[in-house]
Amino acid sequence: MKIFKDGNKTGITPPNHFGGLNVLDIVPFAGSNFAVQVSKAPKGGGGEMHHHDDMTQVFYVVEGALTFDTGKERFTLSAGQAVVFEPLDPHYTINEQEEECVSLVISVKQ
């Protein structure tokens, strides 16, 4: 068992993300094949179009709403909704709402 008590720490804006988006590792990859992050996106915050070669990601919107674009489809998820991106699935995110969006991002390396 491992207990993580990092929820009150300050996160970072990862490379290729913009607009004040902040990501905090709650459960880091260190020593495992998965991670759990809290992502906070103010209005206009998000991530550029990208994909992961060997990672599945689940985005679960906790508060607010987040818009996703896959290059083929564009959709917005609100609190209580989720999406799964498999390896090689392109995705772009942006908060187009007035209020901050808080999402839980679970990443699993294949």
PDB file of N, CA and C in Angstrom:
ATOM      1  N   MET A   1       0.846  -1.175   0.000  1.00  0.00           N
ATOM      2  CA  MET A   1       0.000   0.000   0.000  1.00  0.00           C
ATOM      3  C   MET A   1       0.888   1.233   0.000  1.00  0.00           C
ATOM      4  N   LYS A   2       0.461   2.248  -0.764  1.00  0.00           N
ATOM      5  CA  LYS A   2       1.117   3.552  -0.773  1.00  0.00           C
ATOM      6  C   LYS A   2       0.045   4.613  -0.557  1.00  0.00           C
ATOM      7  N   ILE A   3       0.348   5.562   0.284  1.00  0.00           N
ATOM      8  CA  ILE A   3      -0.572   6.668   0.539  1.00  0.00           C
ATOM      9  C   ILE A   3       0.061   7.935  -0.019  1.00  0.00           C
ATOM     10  N   PHE A   4      -0.710   8.700  -0.768  1.00  0.00           N
ATOM     11  CA  PHE A   4      -0.232   9.935  -1.367  1.00  0.00           C
ATOM     12  C   PHE A   4      -1.003  11.106  -0.767  1.00  0.00           C
ATOM     13  N   LYS A   5      -0.287  12.070  -0.231  1.00  0.00           N
ATOM     14  CA  LYS A   5      -0.914  13.232   0.394  1.00  0.00           C
ATOM     15  C   LYS A   5      -0.397  14.513  -0.254  1.00  0.00           C
ATOM     16  N   ASP A   6      -0.377  14.536  -1.581  1.00  0.00           N
ATOM     17  CA  ASP A   6       0.174  15.671  -2.313  1.00  0.00           C
ATOM     18  C   ASP A   6      -0.894  16.596  -2.887  1.00  0.00           C
ATOM     19  N   GLY A   7      -2.134  16.417  -2.509  1.00  0.00           N
ATOM     20  CA  GLY A   7      -3.232  17.184  -3.090  1.00  0.00           C
ATOM     21  C   GLY A   7      -3.170  18.680  -2.860  1.00  0.00           C
ATOM     22  N   ASN A   8      -2.399  19.115  -1.868  1.00  0.00           N
ATOM     23  CA  ASN A   8      -2.321  20.548  -1.586  1.00  0.00           C
ATOM     24  C   ASN A   8      -1.090  21.200  -2.214  1.00  0.00           C
ATOM     25  N   LYS A   9      -0.301  20.442  -2.954  1.00  0.00           N
ATOM     26  CA  LYS A   9       0.888  20.989  -3.598  1.00  0.00           C
ATOM     27  C   LYS A   9       0.513  21.744  -4.872  1.00  0.00           C
ATOM     28  N   THR A  10       1.471  22.479  -5.394  1.00  0.00           N
ATOM     29  CA  THR A  10       1.272  23.222  -6.635  1.00  0.00           C
ATOM     30  C   THR A  10       1.702  22.360  -7.810  1.00  0.00           C
ATOM     31  N   GLY A  11       0.895  22.327  -8.836  1.00  0.00           N
ATOM     32  CA  GLY A  11       1.223  21.545 -10.027  1.00  0.00           C
ATOM     33  C   GLY A  11       2.053  22.360 -11.002  1.00  0.00           C
ATOM     34  N   ILE A  12       2.101  21.882 -12.235  1.00  0.00           N
ATOM     35  CA  ILE A  12       2.890  22.518 -13.293  1.00  0.00           C
ATOM     36  C   ILE A  12       2.042  22.653 -14.555  1.00  0.00           C
ATOM     37  N   THR A  13       2.510  23.481 -15.466  1.00  0.00           N
ATOM     38  CA  THR A  13       1.951  23.510 -16.818  1.00  0.00           C
ATOM     39  C   THR A  13       2.878  22.671 -17.683  1.00  0.00           C
ATOM     40  N   PRO A  14       2.424  21.483 -18.108  1.00  0.00           N
ATOM     41  CA  PRO A  14       3.295  20.603 -18.897  1.00  0.00           C
ATOM     42  C   PRO A  14       3.646  21.230 -20.253  1.00  0.00           C
ATOM     43  N   PRO A  15       4.718  20.744 -20.881  1.00  0.00           N
ATOM     44  CA  PRO A  15       5.037  21.211 -22.243  1.00  0.00           C
ATOM     45  C   PRO A  15       3.834  20.994 -23.167  1.00  0.00           C
ATOM     46  N   ASN A  16       3.661  21.889 -24.119  1.00  0.00           N
ATOM     47  CA  ASN A  16       2.584  21.810 -25.111  1.00  0.00           C
ATOM     48  C   ASN A  16       1.188  22.021 -24.522  1.00  0.00           C
ATOM     49  N   HIS A  17       1.126  22.588 -23.330  1.00  0.00           N
ATOM     50  CA  HIS A  17      -0.143  22.985 -22.730  1.00  0.00           C
ATOM     51  C   HIS A  17      -0.088  24.505 -22.564  1.00  0.00           C
ATOM     52  N   PHE A  18      -1.247  25.142 -22.409  1.00  0.00           N
ATOM     53  CA  PHE A  18      -1.289  26.600 -22.488  1.00  0.00           C
ATOM     54  C   PHE A  18      -2.406  27.175 -21.638  1.00  0.00           C
ATOM     55  N   GLY A  19      -2.402  28.508 -21.540  1.00  0.00           N
ATOM     56  CA  GLY A  19      -3.511  29.240 -20.941  1.00  0.00           C
ATOM     57  C   GLY A  19      -3.676  29.072 -19.448  1.00  0.00           C
ATOM     58  N   GLY A  20      -2.612  28.715 -18.761  1.00  0.00           N
ATOM     59  CA  GLY A  20      -2.701  28.573 -17.312  1.00  0.00           C
ATOM     60  C   GLY A  20      -3.162  27.208 -16.834  1.00  0.00           C
ATOM     61  N   LEU A  21      -3.286  26.243 -17.748  1.00  0.00           N
ATOM     62  CA  LEU A  21      -3.633  24.881 -17.327  1.00  0.00           C
ATOM     63  C   LEU A  21      -2.591  24.397 -16.324  1.00  0.00           C
ATOM     64  N   ASN A  22      -3.040  23.777 -15.246  1.00  0.00           N
ATOM     65  CA  ASN A  22      -2.162  23.309 -14.183  1.00  0.00           C
ATOM     66  C   ASN A  22      -2.457  21.842 -13.907  1.00  0.00           C
ATOM     67  N   VAL A  23      -1.400  21.027 -13.881  1.00  0.00           N
ATOM     68  CA  VAL A  23      -1.547  19.585 -13.652  1.00  0.00           C
ATOM     69  C   VAL A  23      -0.757  19.200 -12.410  1.00  0.00           C
ATOM     70  N   LEU A  24      -1.403  18.501 -11.512  1.00  0.00           N
ATOM     71  CA  LEU A  24      -0.765  18.022 -10.287  1.00  0.00           C
ATOM     72  C   LEU A  24      -0.795  16.501 -10.263  1.00  0.00           C
ATOM     73  N   ASP A  25       0.383  15.893 -10.143  1.00  0.00           N
ATOM     74  CA  ASP A  25       0.455  14.436  -9.990  1.00  0.00           C
ATOM     75  C   ASP A  25      -0.008  14.066  -8.591  1.00  0.00           C
ATOM     76  N   ILE A  26      -1.127  13.382  -8.502  1.00  0.00           N
ATOM     77  CA  ILE A  26      -1.615  12.881  -7.214  1.00  0.00           C
ATOM     78  C   ILE A  26      -0.974  11.528  -6.943  1.00  0.00           C
ATOM     79  N   VAL A  27      -0.980  10.665  -7.957  1.00  0.00           N
ATOM     80  CA  VAL A  27      -0.274   9.379  -7.911  1.00  0.00           C
ATOM     81  C   VAL A  27       0.661   9.375  -9.116  1.00  0.00           C
ATOM     82  N   PRO A  28       1.961   9.573  -8.892  1.00  0.00           N
ATOM     83  CA  PRO A  28       2.910   9.656 -10.017  1.00  0.00           C
ATOM     84  C   PRO A  28       3.222   8.284 -10.611  1.00  0.00           C
ATOM     85  N   PHE A  29       3.802   8.292 -11.827  1.00  0.00           N
ATOM     86  CA  PHE A  29       4.208   7.058 -12.495  1.00  0.00           C
ATOM     87  C   PHE A  29       5.286   6.299 -11.731  1.00  0.00           C
ATOM     88  N   ALA A  30       6.040   6.963 -10.898  1.00  0.00           N
ATOM     89  CA  ALA A  30       7.199   6.357 -10.227  1.00  0.00           C
ATOM     90  C   ALA A  30       6.887   4.958  -9.701  1.00  0.00           C
ATOM     91  N   GLY A  31       7.544   3.957 -10.306  1.00  0.00           N
ATOM     92  CA  GLY A  31       7.414   2.576  -9.847  1.00  0.00           C
ATOM     93  C   GLY A  31       6.157   1.851 -10.281  1.00  0.00           C
ATOM     94  N   SER A  32       5.354   2.447 -11.173  1.00  0.00           N
ATOM     95  CA  SER A  32       4.147   1.750 -11.623  1.00  0.00           C
ATOM     96  C   SER A  32       3.876   2.099 -13.090  1.00  0.00           C
ATOM     97  N   ASN A  33       2.830   1.498 -13.638  1.00  0.00           N
ATOM     98  CA  ASN A  33       2.497   1.774 -15.036  1.00  0.00           C
ATOM     99  C   ASN A  33       1.275   2.684 -15.161  1.00  0.00           C
ATOM    100  N   PHE A  34       0.910   3.360 -14.079  1.00  0.00           N
ATOM    101  CA  PHE A  34      -0.224   4.274 -14.150  1.00  0.00           C
ATOM    102  C   PHE A  34       0.035   5.515 -13.309  1.00  0.00           C
ATOM    103  N   ALA A  35      -0.715   6.565 -13.618  1.00  0.00           N
ATOM    104  CA  ALA A  35      -0.637   7.813 -12.864  1.00  0.00           C
ATOM    105  C   ALA A  35      -2.034   8.409 -12.769  1.00  0.00           C
ATOM    106  N   VAL A  36      -2.236   9.185 -11.707  1.00  0.00           N
ATOM    107  CA  VAL A  36      -3.484   9.916 -11.519  1.00  0.00           C
ATOM    108  C   VAL A  36      -3.112  11.377 -11.326  1.00  0.00           C
ATOM    109  N   GLN A  37      -3.764  12.238 -12.104  1.00  0.00           N
ATOM    110  CA  GLN A  37      -3.486  13.665 -12.035  1.00  0.00           C
ATOM    111  C   GLN A  37      -4.792  14.444 -11.874  1.00  0.00           C
ATOM    112  N   VAL A  38      -4.686  15.605 -11.238  1.00  0.00           N
ATOM    113  CA  VAL A  38      -5.772  16.567 -11.223  1.00  0.00           C
ATOM    114  C   VAL A  38      -5.353  17.688 -12.164  1.00  0.00           C
ATOM    115  N   SER A  39      -6.191  17.962 -13.143  1.00  0.00           N
ATOM    116  CA  SER A  39      -5.914  18.999 -14.132  1.00  0.00           C
ATOM    117  C   SER A  39      -6.917  20.121 -13.933  1.00  0.00           C
ATOM    118  N   LYS A  40      -6.402  21.352 -13.769  1.00  0.00           N
ATOM    119  CA  LYS A  40      -7.261  22.527 -13.601  1.00  0.00           C
ATOM    120  C   LYS A  40      -7.011  23.466 -14.777  1.00  0.00           C
ATOM    121  N   ALA A  41      -8.082  23.742 -15.512  1.00  0.00           N
ATOM    122  CA  ALA A  41      -7.979  24.600 -16.699  1.00  0.00           C
ATOM    123  C   ALA A  41      -8.878  25.812 -16.530  1.00  0.00           C
ATOM    124  N   PRO A  42      -8.283  27.010 -16.422  1.00  0.00           N
ATOM    125  CA  PRO A  42      -9.117  28.210 -16.447  1.00  0.00           C
ATOM    126  C   PRO A  42      -9.660  28.421 -17.860  1.00  0.00           C
ATOM    127  N   LYS A  43     -10.540  29.398 -18.030  1.00  0.00           N
ATOM    128  CA  LYS A  43     -11.040  29.706 -19.373  1.00  0.00           C
ATOM    129  C   LYS A  43      -9.853  29.937 -20.306  1.00  0.00           C
ATOM    130  N   GLY A  44      -9.839  29.243 -21.454  1.00  0.00           N
ATOM    131  CA  GLY A  44      -8.763  29.364 -22.433  1.00  0.00           C
ATOM    132  C   GLY A  44      -7.593  28.429 -22.202  1.00  0.00           C
ATOM    133  N   GLY A  45      -7.604  27.670 -21.113  1.00  0.00           N
ATOM    134  CA  GLY A  45      -6.514  26.735 -20.834  1.00  0.00           C
ATOM    135  C   GLY A  45      -6.761  25.387 -21.472  1.00  0.00           C
ATOM    136  N   GLY A  46      -5.675  24.721 -21.890  1.00  0.00           N
ATOM    137  CA  GLY A  46      -5.826  23.410 -22.501  1.00  0.00           C
ATOM    138  C   GLY A  46      -4.505  22.819 -22.946  1.00  0.00           C
ATOM    139  N   GLY A  47      -4.599  21.851 -23.831  1.00  0.00           N
ATOM    140  CA  GLY A  47      -3.427  21.157 -24.351  1.00  0.00           C
ATOM    141  C   GLY A  47      -3.473  21.062 -25.859  1.00  0.00           C
ATOM    142  N   GLU A  48      -2.330  21.278 -26.504  1.00  0.00           N
ATOM    143  CA  GLU A  48      -2.239  21.195 -27.961  1.00  0.00           C
ATOM    144  C   GLU A  48      -2.535  19.777 -28.450  1.00  0.00           C
ATOM    145  N   MET A  49      -2.875  19.656 -29.735  1.00  0.00           N
ATOM    146  CA  MET A  49      -3.142  18.343 -30.336  1.00  0.00           C
ATOM    147  C   MET A  49      -1.918  17.455 -30.178  1.00  0.00           C
ATOM    148  N   HIS A  50      -2.122  16.263 -29.637  1.00  0.00           N
ATOM    149  CA  HIS A  50      -1.035  15.307 -29.451  1.00  0.00           C
ATOM    150  C   HIS A  50      -1.628  13.912 -29.289  1.00  0.00           C
ATOM    151  N   HIS A  51      -0.776  12.918 -29.243  1.00  0.00           N
ATOM    152  CA  HIS A  51      -1.191  11.544 -28.936  1.00  0.00           C
ATOM    153  C   HIS A  51      -0.086  10.904 -28.101  1.00  0.00           C
ATOM    154  N   HIS A  52      -0.416   9.762 -27.533  1.00  0.00           N
ATOM    155  CA  HIS A  52       0.560   8.998 -26.764  1.00  0.00           C
ATOM    156  C   HIS A  52       0.761   7.656 -27.454  1.00  0.00           C
ATOM    157  N   ASP A  53       2.010   7.290 -27.674  1.00  0.00           N
ATOM    158  CA  ASP A  53       2.314   6.036 -28.379  1.00  0.00           C
ATOM    159  C   ASP A  53       1.922   4.803 -27.584  1.00  0.00           C
ATOM    160  N   ASP A  54       2.100   4.860 -26.276  1.00  0.00           N
ATOM    161  CA  ASP A  54       1.934   3.650 -25.463  1.00  0.00           C
ATOM    162  C   ASP A  54       1.126   3.902 -24.196  1.00  0.00           C
ATOM    163  N   MET A  55       0.157   4.828 -24.279  1.00  0.00           N
ATOM    164  CA  MET A  55      -0.588   5.172 -23.085  1.00  0.00           C
ATOM    165  C   MET A  55      -2.073   5.341 -23.374  1.00  0.00           C
ATOM    166  N   THR A  56      -2.902   4.816 -22.484  1.00  0.00           N
ATOM    167  CA  THR A  56      -4.335   5.061 -22.489  1.00  0.00           C
ATOM    168  C   THR A  56      -4.617   6.122 -21.436  1.00  0.00           C
ATOM    169  N   GLN A  57      -5.475   7.088 -21.780  1.00  0.00           N
ATOM    170  CA  GLN A  57      -5.822   8.132 -20.825  1.00  0.00           C
ATOM    171  C   GLN A  57      -7.332   8.238 -20.680  1.00  0.00           C
ATOM    172  N   VAL A  58      -7.771   8.366 -19.428  1.00  0.00           N
ATOM    173  CA  VAL A  58      -9.163   8.635 -19.111  1.00  0.00           C
ATOM    174  C   VAL A  58      -9.240  10.046 -18.546  1.00  0.00           C
ATOM    175  N   PHE A  59     -10.111  10.869 -19.118  1.00  0.00           N
ATOM    176  CA  PHE A  59     -10.397  12.196 -18.587  1.00  0.00           C
ATOM    177  C   PHE A  59     -11.788  12.142 -17.968  1.00  0.00           C
ATOM    178  N   TYR A  60     -11.888  12.425 -16.686  1.00  0.00           N
ATOM    179  CA  TYR A  60     -13.172  12.479 -15.984  1.00  0.00           C
ATOM    180  C   TYR A  60     -13.350  13.913 -15.491  1.00  0.00           C
ATOM    181  N   VAL A  61     -14.383  14.593 -15.972  1.00  0.00           N
ATOM    182  CA  VAL A  61     -14.621  15.978 -15.602  1.00  0.00           C
ATOM    183  C   VAL A  61     -15.331  16.010 -14.246  1.00  0.00           C
ATOM    184  N   VAL A  62     -14.670  16.645 -13.278  1.00  0.00           N
ATOM    185  CA  VAL A  62     -15.201  16.746 -11.914  1.00  0.00           C
ATOM    186  C   VAL A  62     -16.036  18.013 -11.758  1.00  0.00           C
ATOM    187  N   GLU A  63     -15.528  19.136 -12.279  1.00  0.00           N
ATOM    188  CA  GLU A  63     -16.232  20.419 -12.200  1.00  0.00           C
ATOM    189  C   GLU A  63     -16.093  21.147 -13.532  1.00  0.00           C
ATOM    190  N   GLY A  64     -17.125  21.882 -13.902  1.00  0.00           N
ATOM    191  CA  GLY A  64     -17.059  22.676 -15.126  1.00  0.00           C
ATOM    192  C   GLY A  64     -17.272  21.831 -16.368  1.00  0.00           C
ATOM    193  N   ALA A  65     -16.617  22.240 -17.454  1.00  0.00           N
ATOM    194  CA  ALA A  65     -16.743  21.540 -18.736  1.00  0.00           C
ATOM    195  C   ALA A  65     -15.442  21.689 -19.509  1.00  0.00           C
ATOM    196  N   LEU A  66     -15.148  20.702 -20.360  1.00  0.00           N
ATOM    197  CA  LEU A  66     -13.922  20.703 -21.150  1.00  0.00           C
ATOM    198  C   LEU A  66     -14.249  20.247 -22.566  1.00  0.00           C
ATOM    199  N   THR A  67     -13.724  20.978 -23.544  1.00  0.00           N
ATOM    200  CA  THR A  67     -13.952  20.647 -24.944  1.00  0.00           C
ATOM    201  C   THR A  67     -12.756  19.873 -25.479  1.00  0.00           C
ATOM    202  N   PHE A  68     -13.037  18.813 -26.225  1.00  0.00           N
ATOM    203  CA  PHE A  68     -12.030  17.947 -26.817  1.00  0.00           C
ATOM    204  C   PHE A  68     -12.167  18.009 -28.339  1.00  0.00           C
ATOM    205  N   ASP A  69     -11.043  17.877 -29.017  1.00  0.00           N
ATOM    206  CA  ASP A  69     -11.040  17.808 -30.476  1.00  0.00           C
ATOM    207  C   ASP A  69     -10.080  16.692 -30.860  1.00  0.00           C
ATOM    208  N   THR A  70     -10.528  15.779 -31.712  1.00  0.00           N
ATOM    209  CA  THR A  70      -9.694  14.650 -32.133  1.00  0.00           C
ATOM    210  C   THR A  70      -9.176  14.827 -33.562  1.00  0.00           C
ATOM    211  N   GLY A  71      -9.513  15.943 -34.179  1.00  0.00           N
ATOM    212  CA  GLY A  71      -9.194  16.134 -35.592  1.00  0.00           C
ATOM    213  C   GLY A  71     -10.308  15.639 -36.487  1.00  0.00           C
ATOM    214  N   LYS A  72     -11.158  14.761 -35.970  1.00  0.00           N
ATOM    215  CA  LYS A  72     -12.308  14.250 -36.713  1.00  0.00           C
ATOM    216  C   LYS A  72     -13.623  14.580 -36.013  1.00  0.00           C
ATOM    217  N   GLU A  73     -13.530  14.808 -34.700  1.00  0.00           N
ATOM    218  CA  GLU A  73     -14.727  15.051 -33.900  1.00  0.00           C
ATOM    219  C   GLU A  73     -14.401  16.072 -32.819  1.00  0.00           C
ATOM    220  N   ARG A  74     -15.390  16.914 -32.520  1.00  0.00           N
ATOM    221  CA  ARG A  74     -15.244  17.910 -31.453  1.00  0.00           C
ATOM    222  C   ARG A  74     -16.442  17.748 -30.521  1.00  0.00           C
ATOM    223  N   PHE A  75     -16.194  17.704 -29.213  1.00  0.00           N
ATOM    224  CA  PHE A  75     -17.276  17.515 -28.246  1.00  0.00           C
ATOM    225  C   PHE A  75     -16.882  18.127 -26.906  1.00  0.00           C
ATOM    226  N   THR A  76     -17.880  18.434 -26.114  1.00  0.00           N
ATOM    227  CA  THR A  76     -17.663  19.010 -24.790  1.00  0.00           C
ATOM    228  C   THR A  76     -18.250  18.079 -23.745  1.00  0.00           C
ATOM    229  N   LEU A  77     -17.467  17.813 -22.711  1.00  0.00           N
ATOM    230  CA  LEU A  77     -17.923  17.008 -21.577  1.00  0.00           C
ATOM    231  C   LEU A  77     -18.123  17.923 -20.377  1.00  0.00           C
ATOM    232  N   SER A  78     -19.134  17.626 -19.588  1.00  0.00           N
ATOM    233  CA  SER A  78     -19.394  18.388 -18.367  1.00  0.00           C
ATOM    234  C   SER A  78     -19.234  17.473 -17.161  1.00  0.00           C
ATOM    235  N   ALA A  79     -19.379  18.043 -15.975  1.00  0.00           N
ATOM    236  CA  ALA A  79     -19.153  17.306 -14.732  1.00  0.00           C
ATOM    237  C   ALA A  79     -19.885  15.961 -14.732  1.00  0.00           C
ATOM    238  N   GLY A  80     -19.156  14.917 -14.372  1.00  0.00           N
ATOM    239  CA  GLY A  80     -19.709  13.566 -14.322  1.00  0.00           C
ATOM    240  C   GLY A  80     -19.543  12.777 -15.602  1.00  0.00           C
ATOM    241  N   GLN A  81     -18.959  13.387 -16.645  1.00  0.00           N
ATOM    242  CA  GLN A  81     -18.768  12.694 -17.921  1.00  0.00           C
ATOM    243  C   GLN A  81     -17.287  12.405 -18.143  1.00  0.00           C
ATOM    244  N   ALA A  82     -17.014  11.387 -18.965  1.00  0.00           N
ATOM    245  CA  ALA A  82     -15.635  10.949 -19.186  1.00  0.00           C
ATOM    246  C   ALA A  82     -15.422  10.524 -20.628  1.00  0.00           C
ATOM    247  N   VAL A  83     -14.134  10.470 -21.003  1.00  0.00           N
ATOM    248  CA  VAL A  83     -13.729   9.973 -22.315  1.00  0.00           C
ATOM    249  C   VAL A  83     -12.447   9.169 -22.127  1.00  0.00           C
ATOM    250  N   VAL A  84     -12.266   8.146 -22.962  1.00  0.00           N
ATOM    251  CA  VAL A  84     -11.049   7.331 -22.954  1.00  0.00           C
ATOM    252  C   VAL A  84     -10.349   7.510 -24.296  1.00  0.00           C
ATOM    253  N   PHE A  85      -9.057   7.852 -24.241  1.00  0.00           N
ATOM    254  CA  PHE A  85      -8.216   7.923 -25.430  1.00  0.00           C
ATOM    255  C   PHE A  85      -7.231   6.766 -25.381  1.00  0.00           C
ATOM    256  N   GLU A  86      -7.305   5.908 -26.392  1.00  0.00           N
ATOM    257  CA  GLU A  86      -6.390   4.775 -26.493  1.00  0.00           C
ATOM    258  C   GLU A  86      -5.065   5.257 -27.083  1.00  0.00           C
ATOM    259  N   PRO A  87      -4.011   4.429 -27.024  1.00  0.00           N
ATOM    260  CA  PRO A  87      -2.747   4.818 -27.655  1.00  0.00           C
ATOM    261  C   PRO A  87      -2.974   5.237 -29.112  1.00  0.00           C
ATOM    262  N   LEU A  88      -2.278   6.280 -29.519  1.00  0.00           N
ATOM    263  CA  LEU A  88      -2.299   6.863 -30.864  1.00  0.00           C
ATOM    264  C   LEU A  88      -3.546   7.696 -31.167  1.00  0.00           C
ATOM    265  N   ASP A  89      -4.537   7.756 -30.252  1.00  0.00           N
ATOM    266  CA  ASP A  89      -5.711   8.605 -30.464  1.00  0.00           C
ATOM    267  C   ASP A  89      -5.309  10.068 -30.276  1.00  0.00           C
ATOM    268  N   PRO A  90      -5.417  10.899 -31.318  1.00  0.00           N
ATOM    269  CA  PRO A  90      -5.068  12.314 -31.150  1.00  0.00           C
ATOM    270  C   PRO A  90      -6.127  13.031 -30.323  1.00  0.00           C
ATOM    271  N   HIS A  91      -5.687  13.998 -29.539  1.00  0.00           N
ATOM    272  CA  HIS A  91      -6.625  14.802 -28.772  1.00  0.00           C
ATOM    273  C   HIS A  91      -6.051  16.171 -28.435  1.00  0.00           C
ATOM    274  N   TYR A  92      -6.963  17.141 -28.419  1.00  0.00           N
ATOM    275  CA  TYR A  92      -6.698  18.530 -28.086  1.00  0.00           C
ATOM    276  C   TYR A  92      -7.745  18.902 -27.054  1.00  0.00           C
ATOM    277  N   THR A  93      -7.375  19.686 -26.040  1.00  0.00           N
ATOM    278  CA  THR A  93      -8.347  20.091 -25.030  1.00  0.00           C
ATOM    279  C   THR A  93      -8.326  21.605 -24.859  1.00  0.00           C
ATOM    280  N   ILE A  94      -9.489  22.156 -24.531  1.00  0.00           N
ATOM    281  CA  ILE A  94      -9.581  23.575 -24.202  1.00  0.00           C
ATOM    282  C   ILE A  94     -10.831  23.817 -23.355  1.00  0.00           C
ATOM    283  N   ASN A  95     -10.676  24.692 -22.367  1.00  0.00           N
ATOM    284  CA  ASN A  95     -11.822  25.107 -21.574  1.00  0.00           C
ATOM    285  C   ASN A  95     -12.400  26.358 -22.224  1.00  0.00           C
ATOM    286  N   GLU A  96     -13.583  26.229 -22.792  1.00  0.00           N
ATOM    287  CA  GLU A  96     -14.248  27.349 -23.451  1.00  0.00           C
ATOM    288  C   GLU A  96     -15.301  27.992 -22.556  1.00  0.00           C
ATOM    289  N   GLN A  97     -15.396  27.534 -21.323  1.00  0.00           N
ATOM    290  CA  GLN A  97     -16.399  28.049 -20.385  1.00  0.00           C
ATOM    291  C   GLN A  97     -15.818  29.180 -19.539  1.00  0.00           C
ATOM    292  N   GLU A  98     -16.660  29.901 -18.857  1.00  0.00           N
ATOM    293  CA  GLU A  98     -16.217  30.976 -17.977  1.00  0.00           C
ATOM    294  C   GLU A  98     -15.569  30.434 -16.700  1.00  0.00           C
ATOM    295  N   GLU A  99     -16.125  29.349 -16.161  1.00  0.00           N
ATOM    296  CA  GLU A  99     -15.615  28.804 -14.907  1.00  0.00           C
ATOM    297  C   GLU A  99     -14.488  27.808 -15.152  1.00  0.00           C
ATOM    298  N   GLU A 100     -13.648  27.645 -14.151  1.00  0.00           N
ATOM    299  CA  GLU A 100     -12.537  26.689 -14.222  1.00  0.00           C
ATOM    300  C   GLU A 100     -13.062  25.268 -14.404  1.00  0.00           C
ATOM    301  N   CYS A 101     -12.331  24.475 -15.145  1.00  0.00           N
ATOM    302  CA  CYS A 101     -12.646  23.054 -15.297  1.00  0.00           C
ATOM    303  C   CYS A 101     -11.639  22.258 -14.481  1.00  0.00           C
ATOM    304  N   VAL A 102     -12.145  21.328 -13.678  1.00  0.00           N
ATOM    305  CA  VAL A 102     -11.289  20.419 -12.921  1.00  0.00           C
ATOM    306  C   VAL A 102     -11.553  19.007 -13.441  1.00  0.00           C
ATOM    307  N   SER A 103     -10.490  18.344 -13.881  1.00  0.00           N
ATOM    308  CA  SER A 103     -10.612  16.985 -14.415  1.00  0.00           C
ATOM    309  C   SER A 103      -9.653  16.055 -13.688  1.00  0.00           C
ATOM    310  N   LEU A 104     -10.050  14.831 -13.562  1.00  0.00           N
ATOM    311  CA  LEU A 104      -9.184  13.758 -13.083  1.00  0.00           C
ATOM    312  C   LEU A 104      -8.683  13.045 -14.321  1.00  0.00           C
ATOM    313  N   VAL A 105      -7.359  12.934 -14.457  1.00  0.00           N
ATOM    314  CA  VAL A 105      -6.762  12.275 -15.623  1.00  0.00           C
ATOM    315  C   VAL A 105      -6.026  11.040 -15.137  1.00  0.00           C
ATOM    316  N   ILE A 106      -6.456   9.883 -15.610  1.00  0.00           N
ATOM    317  CA  ILE A 106      -5.833   8.612 -15.255  1.00  0.00           C
ATOM    318  C   ILE A 106      -5.109   8.096 -16.492  1.00  0.00           C
ATOM    319  N   SER A 107      -3.797   7.897 -16.382  1.00  0.00           N
ATOM    320  CA  SER A 107      -2.981   7.437 -17.501  1.00  0.00           C
ATOM    321  C   SER A 107      -2.410   6.061 -17.192  1.00  0.00           C
ATOM    322  N   VAL A 108      -2.502   5.165 -18.165  1.00  0.00           N
ATOM    323  CA  VAL A 108      -1.995   3.797 -17.998  1.00  0.00           C
ATOM    324  C   VAL A 108      -1.074   3.492 -19.158  1.00  0.00           C
ATOM    325  N   LYS A 109       0.182   3.160 -18.844  1.00  0.00           N
ATOM    326  CA  LYS A 109       1.138   2.769 -19.879  1.00  0.00           C
ATOM    327  C   LYS A 109       0.852   1.342 -20.304  1.00  0.00           C
ATOM    328  N   GLN A 110       0.912   1.102 -21.627  1.00  0.00           N
ATOM    329  CA  GLN A 110       0.652  -0.231 -22.176  1.00  0.00           C
ATOM    330  C   GLN A 110       1.884  -1.093 -22.093  1.00  0.00           C
TER     331      GLN A 110
END
